[in-house]
Amino acid sequence: HRENLERLVAERTGQLQASEERYRSLVETAFDWVWEMDAQGRYTYASPGVLDLLGHRPADVLGRTPFDFMPAAEARRVKSLFEQIAAKRQPFAMLENTNRHRDGHEVILETSGTPILSTAGEFLGYRGMDRDITERRQAEAAVRESAMKYRTLFEGSRDAIITADPETYDFLS
C-alpha cells in the first residue's frame, strides 16, 4: 500500500507542477498585467506585463498599492470607487483609471478583478488584470473632435450640403 500511495503522490505532484507551469507561462507571456493584492490593497504579485504598461519591474510594485501609480486626483477618485467595491467583496470589470508611467507619461488602464477568499470565506484580497487602453481612448477622442469640427461646419453653413455614393449616382463619375 505504501508504494502505491507514494506513486500516487508523485503522480499528483507532477500534475500539479505541470499545471502551475502552464499557468505561469500564460500569465507571464500575456500582454496584460496580471496581479494579486492582499486585503489591505498592497500588491503581492505582479506579472512581467507591468514593465510594459507602467515601466516598473514586478519586484518594484510589490508592497505598493494601485493608487501609488496614479495622479493624486485620480487616486482619490478611484480609491473612493474601489472602497465601495471592496467593502462588498464584489468582482469588478473594466474600471478605467489613469496612471503615471515611470517615465512620466499618462497611461489609461482598464482594470478588472475578482475577490480572493479563503476556504472559510475570509476575504484575502483581489486577483485581476490591467490592460492599456490609452491608444483606444486617444483614437476615440480624435474621432469625437473630428465629428465636432464637421458638425460645426455643417450646422454653420448657409449652403446646401449633400453627400452621395458615386456607385449609386452615375453623374458623379
Protein backbone atom coordinates (compact mmCIF):
# COMPACT_ATOMS: atom_id res chain seq x y z
CA HIS A 1 0.00 0.00 0.00
CA ARG A 2 2.85 2.36 0.83
CA GLU A 3 4.42 2.02 -2.65
CA ASN A 4 1.03 2.64 -4.26
CA LEU A 5 0.48 5.73 -2.10
CA GLU A 6 3.97 7.08 -2.89
CA ARG A 7 3.38 6.53 -6.61
CA LEU A 8 0.03 8.32 -6.39
CA VAL A 9 1.56 11.27 -4.50
CA ALA A 10 4.39 11.51 -7.04
CA GLU A 11 1.89 11.41 -9.91
CA ARG A 12 -0.31 14.13 -8.38
CA THR A 13 2.74 16.27 -7.58
CA GLY A 14 3.84 16.03 -11.21
CA GLN A 15 0.37 17.02 -12.40
CA LEU A 16 0.31 19.98 -10.01
CA GLN A 17 3.75 21.14 -11.19
CA ALA A 18 2.70 20.87 -14.84
CA SER A 19 -0.49 22.83 -14.14
CA GLU A 20 1.46 25.51 -12.28
CA GLU A 21 3.94 25.79 -15.16
CA ARG A 22 1.09 26.22 -17.68
CA TYR A 23 -0.48 28.92 -15.52
CA ARG A 24 2.83 30.74 -15.03
CA SER A 25 3.59 30.58 -18.75
CA LEU A 26 0.19 32.03 -19.66
CA VAL A 27 0.39 34.80 -17.09
CA GLU A 28 3.96 35.81 -17.73
CA THR A 29 3.63 35.99 -21.50
CA ALA A 30 0.33 37.90 -21.53
CA PHE A 31 0.31 41.45 -22.89
CA ASP A 32 -1.84 42.46 -19.94
CA TRP A 33 -0.57 42.94 -16.40
CA VAL A 34 -1.79 40.19 -14.08
CA TRP A 35 -1.67 40.97 -10.36
CA GLU A 36 -2.76 39.95 -6.88
CA MET A 37 -3.20 42.19 -3.86
CA ASP A 38 -3.79 41.49 -0.19
CA ALA A 39 -6.77 42.61 1.91
CA GLN A 40 -5.04 45.97 2.52
CA GLY A 41 -4.77 46.62 -1.23
CA ARG A 42 -1.00 46.05 -1.49
CA TYR A 43 0.35 44.12 -4.46
CA THR A 44 1.61 40.65 -3.55
CA TYR A 45 2.19 39.53 -7.15
CA ALA A 46 2.84 41.44 -10.36
CA SER A 47 3.43 39.75 -13.72
CA PRO A 48 6.12 40.99 -16.11
CA GLY A 49 3.39 42.88 -18.03
CA VAL A 50 3.71 45.75 -15.54
CA LEU A 51 7.07 46.65 -17.09
CA ASP A 52 5.45 47.28 -20.49
CA LEU A 53 2.42 49.08 -19.06
CA LEU A 54 3.97 51.27 -16.36
CA GLY A 55 7.73 50.89 -16.76
CA HIS A 56 8.22 49.23 -13.37
CA ARG A 57 9.75 45.84 -12.71
CA PRO A 58 7.40 43.42 -10.93
CA ALA A 59 9.57 43.42 -7.78
CA ASP A 60 9.29 47.23 -7.56
CA VAL A 61 5.50 47.05 -7.46
CA LEU A 62 5.22 44.56 -4.59
CA GLY A 63 4.02 46.12 -1.35
CA ARG A 64 2.64 49.19 -3.12
CA THR A 65 -0.99 50.00 -3.89
CA PRO A 66 -2.58 50.82 -7.25
CA PHE A 67 -3.07 54.39 -6.04
CA ASP A 68 0.69 54.89 -5.73
CA PHE A 69 0.88 54.95 -9.54
CA MET A 70 -1.94 57.44 -10.14
CA PRO A 71 -2.01 61.24 -10.16
CA ALA A 72 -3.39 62.49 -6.81
CA ALA A 73 -6.88 63.46 -8.02
CA GLU A 74 -7.25 60.20 -9.93
CA ALA A 75 -6.07 58.21 -6.90
CA ARG A 76 -8.77 59.85 -4.74
CA ARG A 77 -11.47 59.16 -7.37
CA VAL A 78 -10.54 55.52 -7.92
CA LYS A 79 -9.91 54.85 -4.22
CA SER A 80 -13.44 56.04 -3.43
CA LEU A 81 -14.91 53.70 -6.07
CA PHE A 82 -12.70 50.79 -5.04
CA GLU A 83 -13.52 51.17 -1.34
CA GLN A 84 -17.21 50.70 -2.17
CA ILE A 85 -16.47 47.62 -4.28
CA ALA A 86 -14.08 46.08 -1.73
CA ALA A 87 -16.47 46.69 1.18
CA LYS A 88 -18.96 44.41 -0.57
CA ARG A 89 -16.23 41.98 -1.70
CA GLN A 90 -17.54 42.31 -5.25
CA PRO A 91 -15.80 41.47 -8.51
CA PHE A 92 -15.34 44.43 -10.83
CA ALA A 93 -14.70 44.81 -14.53
CA MET A 94 -13.34 47.49 -16.85
CA LEU A 95 -12.70 50.12 -14.17
CA GLU A 96 -10.88 52.87 -16.07
CA ASN A 97 -8.07 54.65 -14.31
CA THR A 98 -5.24 56.94 -15.31
CA ASN A 99 -1.74 56.07 -14.14
CA ARG A 100 1.71 57.58 -14.49
CA HIS A 101 4.31 55.55 -16.36
CA ARG A 102 7.73 55.55 -14.74
CA ASP A 103 8.91 58.00 -17.44
CA GLY A 104 6.07 60.40 -16.55
CA HIS A 105 3.55 59.99 -19.38
CA GLU A 106 -0.03 59.07 -18.59
CA VAL A 107 -1.37 55.58 -19.25
CA ILE A 108 -5.07 54.74 -19.18
CA LEU A 109 -5.70 51.28 -17.79
CA GLU A 110 -8.81 49.15 -17.75
CA THR A 111 -8.77 47.13 -14.53
CA SER A 112 -10.78 44.02 -13.71
CA GLY A 113 -10.57 41.91 -10.58
CA THR A 114 -12.19 39.22 -8.51
CA PRO A 115 -12.05 38.73 -4.74
CA ILE A 116 -9.81 36.06 -3.25
CA LEU A 117 -11.49 34.19 -0.41
CA SER A 118 -10.09 31.56 1.92
CA THR A 119 -11.82 28.18 2.19
CA ALA A 120 -13.54 29.59 5.29
CA GLY A 121 -14.83 32.57 3.27
CA GLU A 122 -12.38 35.10 4.73
CA PHE A 123 -11.52 37.96 2.36
CA LEU A 124 -7.84 37.77 1.42
CA GLY A 125 -7.64 40.38 -1.35
CA TYR A 126 -8.13 40.61 -5.10
CA ARG A 127 -6.70 38.95 -8.19
CA GLY A 128 -7.03 40.62 -11.56
CA MET A 129 -5.50 42.22 -14.59
CA ASP A 130 -4.93 45.60 -16.19
CA ARG A 131 -4.98 46.37 -19.90
CA ASP A 132 -3.58 49.51 -21.54
CA ILE A 133 -6.39 51.30 -23.38
CA THR A 134 -4.55 54.60 -23.89
CA GLU A 135 -4.40 54.34 -27.71
CA ARG A 136 -8.06 53.37 -27.91
CA ARG A 137 -9.11 56.37 -25.80
CA GLN A 138 -6.89 58.70 -27.87
CA ALA A 139 -8.43 57.39 -31.11
CA GLU A 140 -11.94 57.83 -29.72
CA ALA A 141 -11.10 61.40 -28.69
CA ALA A 142 -9.74 62.15 -32.18
CA VAL A 143 -12.94 60.80 -33.78
CA ARG A 144 -15.10 62.91 -31.42
CA GLU A 145 -13.02 66.00 -32.17
CA SER A 146 -13.26 65.43 -35.90
CA ALA A 147 -17.01 64.85 -35.67
CA MET A 148 -17.44 68.10 -33.73
CA LYS A 149 -15.49 70.03 -36.40
CA TYR A 150 -17.69 68.66 -39.19
CA ARG A 151 -20.85 69.20 -37.17
CA THR A 152 -19.88 72.84 -36.60
CA LEU A 153 -19.04 73.20 -40.29
CA PHE A 154 -22.34 71.70 -41.46
CA GLU A 155 -24.53 73.48 -38.94
CA GLY A 156 -22.89 76.82 -39.64
CA SER A 157 -23.16 76.55 -43.41
CA ARG A 158 -25.77 78.58 -45.25
CA ASP A 159 -25.26 76.47 -48.38
CA ALA A 160 -26.92 73.16 -49.08
CA ILE A 161 -24.64 70.22 -48.40
CA ILE A 162 -25.33 66.82 -49.88
CA THR A 163 -23.49 63.55 -49.82
CA ALA A 164 -23.77 60.88 -52.45
CA ASP A 165 -22.38 57.47 -53.15
CA PRO A 166 -20.57 57.55 -56.54
CA GLU A 167 -21.62 53.97 -57.28
CA THR A 168 -25.28 54.90 -56.88
CA TYR A 169 -25.22 58.12 -58.90
CA ASP A 170 -23.71 57.93 -62.40
CA PHE A 171 -23.49 61.68 -62.78
CA LEU A 172 -20.78 61.82 -60.09
CA SER A 173 -18.41 59.59 -62.07
